[in-house]
N, C-alpha and C. Protein backbone atom coordinates (compact mmCIF):
# COMPACT_ATOMS: atom_id res chain seq x y z
N MET A 1 26.57 128.58 102.61
CA MET A 1 25.84 128.01 101.52
C MET A 1 26.84 127.52 100.48
N ASN A 2 26.65 126.30 99.98
CA ASN A 2 27.49 125.78 98.92
C ASN A 2 26.94 126.24 97.57
N THR A 3 27.81 126.76 96.75
CA THR A 3 27.42 127.20 95.41
C THR A 3 28.02 126.23 94.41
N PRO A 4 27.18 125.52 93.64
CA PRO A 4 27.72 124.57 92.67
C PRO A 4 28.42 125.30 91.54
N ASP A 5 29.42 124.62 90.97
CA ASP A 5 30.06 125.16 89.77
C ASP A 5 29.11 124.95 88.60
N VAL A 6 28.73 126.02 87.96
CA VAL A 6 27.86 125.96 86.79
C VAL A 6 28.59 126.67 85.66
N HIS A 7 28.87 125.93 84.61
CA HIS A 7 29.63 126.49 83.49
C HIS A 7 28.69 126.85 82.35
N THR A 8 28.92 128.04 81.83
CA THR A 8 28.14 128.53 80.71
C THR A 8 28.72 127.97 79.42
N PRO A 9 27.87 127.35 78.57
CA PRO A 9 28.38 126.91 77.27
C PRO A 9 28.90 128.09 76.48
N SER A 10 29.79 127.84 75.53
CA SER A 10 30.36 128.95 74.76
C SER A 10 29.28 129.73 74.00
N THR A 11 28.23 129.04 73.54
CA THR A 11 27.11 129.69 72.87
C THR A 11 25.81 129.12 73.43
N PRO A 12 25.30 129.68 74.53
CA PRO A 12 24.06 129.14 75.10
C PRO A 12 22.89 129.29 74.13
N HIS A 13 22.02 128.31 74.09
CA HIS A 13 20.80 128.37 73.29
C HIS A 13 19.68 128.87 74.20
N TRP A 14 19.34 130.14 74.09
CA TRP A 14 18.35 130.76 74.96
C TRP A 14 16.95 130.46 74.45
N PHE A 15 16.03 130.23 75.37
CA PHE A 15 14.63 129.98 75.01
C PHE A 15 13.72 130.62 76.03
N THR A 16 12.49 130.89 75.64
CA THR A 16 11.49 131.43 76.55
C THR A 16 10.44 130.36 76.81
N SER A 17 9.64 130.58 77.80
CA SER A 17 8.57 129.65 78.14
C SER A 17 7.56 129.53 77.01
N SER A 18 6.95 128.37 76.90
CA SER A 18 5.88 128.20 75.92
C SER A 18 4.68 129.07 76.28
N TYR A 19 4.64 129.59 77.49
CA TYR A 19 3.56 130.49 77.93
C TYR A 19 3.82 131.93 77.52
N SER A 20 5.03 132.25 77.04
CA SER A 20 5.33 133.61 76.60
C SER A 20 4.49 133.93 75.37
N ASN A 21 4.09 135.18 75.25
CA ASN A 21 3.16 135.54 74.18
C ASN A 21 3.83 135.93 72.87
N GLY A 22 5.14 136.02 72.82
CA GLY A 22 5.82 136.35 71.57
C GLY A 22 5.75 137.82 71.21
N SER A 23 5.04 138.63 71.97
CA SER A 23 4.91 140.06 71.69
C SER A 23 5.71 140.89 72.69
N GLY A 24 6.77 140.31 73.21
CA GLY A 24 7.60 141.02 74.17
C GLY A 24 7.11 140.88 75.60
N GLY A 25 6.15 140.00 75.84
CA GLY A 25 5.61 139.82 77.18
C GLY A 25 6.44 138.91 78.07
N GLU A 26 7.38 138.18 77.48
CA GLU A 26 8.19 137.28 78.29
C GLU A 26 9.13 138.08 79.18
N CYS A 27 9.43 137.55 80.32
CA CYS A 27 10.27 138.25 81.28
C CYS A 27 11.68 137.71 81.32
N VAL A 28 11.81 136.39 81.21
CA VAL A 28 13.12 135.76 81.31
C VAL A 28 13.34 134.79 80.17
N GLU A 29 14.61 134.52 79.93
CA GLU A 29 15.02 133.49 78.99
C GLU A 29 15.89 132.51 79.76
N CYS A 30 15.88 131.26 79.35
CA CYS A 30 16.68 130.23 79.99
C CYS A 30 17.54 129.53 78.96
N ALA A 31 18.62 128.95 79.42
CA ALA A 31 19.48 128.09 78.61
C ALA A 31 20.01 127.01 79.56
N TRP A 32 20.40 125.88 79.01
CA TRP A 32 20.95 124.81 79.85
C TRP A 32 22.44 125.01 80.05
N SER A 33 22.89 124.77 81.27
CA SER A 33 24.33 124.82 81.54
C SER A 33 24.93 123.48 81.12
N ASP A 34 26.25 123.41 81.10
CA ASP A 34 26.92 122.17 80.73
C ASP A 34 26.65 121.04 81.72
N GLU A 35 26.30 121.38 82.97
CA GLU A 35 26.08 120.39 84.01
C GLU A 35 24.62 119.99 84.19
N GLY A 36 23.72 120.53 83.38
CA GLY A 36 22.30 120.19 83.50
C GLY A 36 21.49 121.20 84.29
N GLY A 37 22.13 122.22 84.83
CA GLY A 37 21.41 123.28 85.51
C GLY A 37 20.89 124.28 84.49
N ALA A 38 20.49 125.44 84.97
CA ALA A 38 19.91 126.44 84.07
C ALA A 38 20.63 127.77 84.20
N LEU A 39 20.64 128.48 83.10
CA LEU A 39 21.12 129.85 83.06
C LEU A 39 19.88 130.70 82.81
N ILE A 40 19.75 131.80 83.53
CA ILE A 40 18.55 132.64 83.44
C ILE A 40 18.99 134.08 83.24
N ARG A 41 18.30 134.78 82.32
CA ARG A 41 18.60 136.19 82.08
C ARG A 41 17.30 136.93 81.76
N ASP A 42 17.36 138.24 81.89
CA ASP A 42 16.24 139.11 81.56
C ASP A 42 16.16 139.24 80.05
N SER A 43 15.01 138.90 79.48
CA SER A 43 14.87 138.95 78.02
C SER A 43 14.94 140.37 77.48
N LYS A 44 14.65 141.35 78.31
CA LYS A 44 14.70 142.74 77.87
C LYS A 44 16.12 143.31 77.94
N ARG A 45 17.01 142.61 78.67
CA ARG A 45 18.40 143.05 78.82
C ARG A 45 19.33 141.85 78.59
N PRO A 46 19.36 141.31 77.37
CA PRO A 46 20.13 140.09 77.13
C PRO A 46 21.63 140.22 77.36
N ARG A 47 22.15 141.43 77.35
CA ARG A 47 23.57 141.62 77.62
C ARG A 47 23.83 141.90 79.10
N GLY A 48 22.78 141.86 79.91
CA GLY A 48 22.91 142.06 81.34
C GLY A 48 23.46 140.81 82.00
N GLY A 49 23.29 140.71 83.29
CA GLY A 49 23.81 139.57 84.03
C GLY A 49 23.05 138.28 83.78
N ILE A 50 23.69 137.19 84.13
CA ILE A 50 23.11 135.85 84.02
C ILE A 50 23.12 135.22 85.40
N VAL A 51 22.01 134.61 85.77
CA VAL A 51 21.92 133.85 87.01
C VAL A 51 22.12 132.38 86.66
N ALA A 52 23.07 131.73 87.29
CA ALA A 52 23.32 130.31 87.06
C ALA A 52 22.77 129.52 88.23
N VAL A 53 21.97 128.51 87.94
CA VAL A 53 21.31 127.69 88.96
C VAL A 53 21.71 126.24 88.74
N GLY A 54 22.15 125.57 89.80
CA GLY A 54 22.54 124.17 89.70
C GLY A 54 21.35 123.27 89.38
N GLU A 55 21.64 122.07 88.95
CA GLU A 55 20.60 121.13 88.52
C GLU A 55 19.57 120.83 89.61
N GLU A 56 20.02 120.57 90.82
CA GLU A 56 19.09 120.25 91.92
C GLU A 56 18.17 121.43 92.24
N ALA A 57 18.73 122.63 92.29
CA ALA A 57 17.93 123.82 92.57
C ALA A 57 16.92 124.07 91.45
N TRP A 58 17.34 123.86 90.20
CA TRP A 58 16.44 124.07 89.06
C TRP A 58 15.27 123.08 89.11
N ARG A 59 15.58 121.81 89.39
CA ARG A 59 14.51 120.80 89.49
C ARG A 59 13.53 121.16 90.60
N SER A 60 14.03 121.61 91.74
CA SER A 60 13.16 122.00 92.85
C SER A 60 12.27 123.17 92.45
N PHE A 61 12.83 124.15 91.78
CA PHE A 61 12.06 125.30 91.34
C PHE A 61 10.96 124.89 90.37
N VAL A 62 11.30 124.10 89.37
CA VAL A 62 10.31 123.68 88.37
C VAL A 62 9.22 122.85 89.02
N THR A 63 9.58 121.95 89.91
CA THR A 63 8.58 121.12 90.62
C THR A 63 7.63 121.99 91.41
N ALA A 64 8.16 122.98 92.13
CA ALA A 64 7.31 123.88 92.92
C ALA A 64 6.42 124.73 92.02
N ALA A 65 6.96 125.19 90.90
CA ALA A 65 6.18 126.03 89.98
C ALA A 65 5.03 125.24 89.37
N VAL A 66 5.25 123.99 89.05
CA VAL A 66 4.20 123.16 88.45
C VAL A 66 3.10 122.89 89.46
N ARG A 67 3.46 122.72 90.71
CA ARG A 67 2.48 122.40 91.76
C ARG A 67 1.72 123.61 92.29
N THR A 68 2.20 124.81 92.01
CA THR A 68 1.60 126.02 92.55
C THR A 68 0.61 126.60 91.55
N PRO A 69 -0.66 126.77 91.96
CA PRO A 69 -1.63 127.37 91.05
C PRO A 69 -1.23 128.80 90.66
N SER A 70 -1.45 129.16 89.44
CA SER A 70 -1.10 130.48 88.96
C SER A 70 -2.25 131.45 89.20
N ASN A 71 -1.94 132.65 89.60
CA ASN A 71 -2.94 133.69 89.79
C ASN A 71 -2.86 134.73 88.68
N PHE A 72 -2.22 134.37 87.57
CA PHE A 72 -2.03 135.33 86.48
C PHE A 72 -3.12 135.22 85.47
């Protein structure tokens, strides 16, 4: 598997989904990488690990998420 180089900005701007309730219900936070991909972390453990996803993989994920009905 090829892993794209994804660089973390020196100060990522983390954000949660507009669907998050603001009362601690959000699960993940995202930030944009320097290359247009996404950085993902657990909002409850912000000093924990970060998952870096390349731009193509992020677009595929978002497209699939939008097309998939939610059961929540």
